[in-house]
Protein backbone atom coordinates (compact mmCIF):
# COMPACT_ATOMS: atom_id res chain seq x y z
CA MET A 1 -8.27 -11.06 16.12
CA GLU A 2 -11.95 -11.39 15.61
CA PHE A 3 -14.18 -9.46 13.16
CA SER A 4 -17.82 -8.48 12.67
CA VAL A 5 -19.70 -7.86 9.36
CA ILE A 6 -22.54 -5.42 9.26
CA GLN A 7 -24.95 -4.53 6.44
CA TYR A 8 -26.98 -1.20 6.54
CA PHE A 9 -30.21 -0.64 4.68
CA ASP A 10 -31.70 2.12 2.93
CA ASN A 11 -34.21 2.79 5.68
CA GLY A 12 -31.43 3.46 8.31
CA ALA A 13 -31.72 0.05 10.01
CA TYR A 14 -28.68 -2.40 10.06
CA GLU A 15 -27.99 -6.00 10.71
CA VAL A 16 -24.91 -7.63 12.22
CA VAL A 17 -24.50 -10.58 9.99
CA ARG A 18 -21.35 -12.12 11.45
CA ARG A 19 -19.82 -11.58 14.93
CA GLY A 20 -16.54 -12.86 16.34
CA VAL A 21 -15.33 -14.47 13.24
CA ASP A 22 -11.86 -14.82 11.73
CA ALA A 23 -10.63 -12.60 8.91
CA GLN A 24 -11.29 -15.15 6.10
CA GLU A 25 -15.13 -15.69 7.11
CA ALA A 26 -15.54 -11.96 7.52
CA VAL A 27 -14.28 -11.37 4.04
CA GLU A 28 -16.27 -14.22 2.52
CA ALA A 29 -19.43 -12.85 4.28
CA ALA A 30 -18.75 -9.19 3.19
CA HIS A 31 -18.22 -10.49 -0.34
CA HIS A 32 -21.56 -12.43 -0.17
CA TYR A 33 -23.45 -9.31 1.13
CA CYS A 34 -21.96 -6.90 -1.42
CA GLY A 35 -23.09 -8.93 -4.18
CA SER A 36 -26.49 -9.89 -2.87
CA VAL A 37 -29.82 -9.04 -4.50
CA GLY A 38 -30.51 -6.43 -1.83
CA ALA A 39 -27.03 -4.76 -2.60
CA ARG A 40 -27.72 -4.82 -6.37
CA LEU A 41 -31.10 -3.24 -5.93
CA GLY A 42 -29.82 -0.63 -3.50
CA TYR A 43 -31.83 -1.90 -0.40
CA VAL A 44 -28.47 -2.61 1.23
CA THR A 45 -26.59 0.62 0.96
CA THR A 46 -23.29 -0.34 2.94
CA VAL A 47 -21.40 -3.31 4.15
CA ILE A 48 -18.55 -2.96 6.55
CA ILE A 49 -16.09 -5.11 8.44
CA VAL A 50 -14.89 -4.05 11.94
CA ASP A 51 -12.30 -5.65 14.12
CA ASP A 52 -12.65 -6.56 17.77
CA ASP A 53 -11.59 -3.02 18.72
CA ASP A 54 -14.53 -1.68 16.59
CA PHE A 55 -12.08 -0.08 14.00
CA ARG A 56 -13.46 -0.12 10.40
CA VAL A 57 -11.31 -2.32 8.27
CA PHE A 58 -13.47 -2.51 5.01
CA GLN A 59 -16.26 -0.68 3.57
CA TRP A 60 -18.38 -1.08 0.62
CA GLU A 61 -21.08 1.31 -0.66
CA HIS A 62 -23.94 0.89 -3.21
CA GLY A 63 -23.06 2.65 -6.41
CA LYS A 64 -19.46 3.25 -5.36
CA GLY A 65 -17.92 -0.06 -4.53
CA VAL A 66 -15.13 -0.51 -2.08
CA VAL A 67 -14.35 2.82 -0.50
CA PHE A 68 -12.11 1.71 2.36
CA PRO A 69 -9.33 0.80 2.52
CA PRO A 70 -8.08 3.48 0.13
CA GLU A 71 -5.85 1.22 -1.72
CA ALA A 72 -8.68 -1.00 -2.60
CA ALA A 73 -11.17 1.79 -3.51
CA GLY A 74 -12.59 1.50 -6.95
CA ARG A 75 -12.31 -2.39 -6.97
CA GLU A 76 -15.17 -4.70 -6.31
CA PRO A 77 -14.44 -7.47 -3.76
CA ARG A 78 -13.50 -10.70 -5.58
């Protein structure tokens, strides 16, 4: 299975920062973008990981932290 990592910005734009990577690389990239300067300042509003069927498997939101999957909600990515 392959994954993509996408970050969304406060102006409505988005950027696919990884495409077609394995799970480990996707998680490491998401962790990086969730902790970036842009994310800390609120310019990056959302970071998601989607699988190759376009199902969302992870979502982080500025000011909320991890909101999906539900069992991880309330915890910041390590």
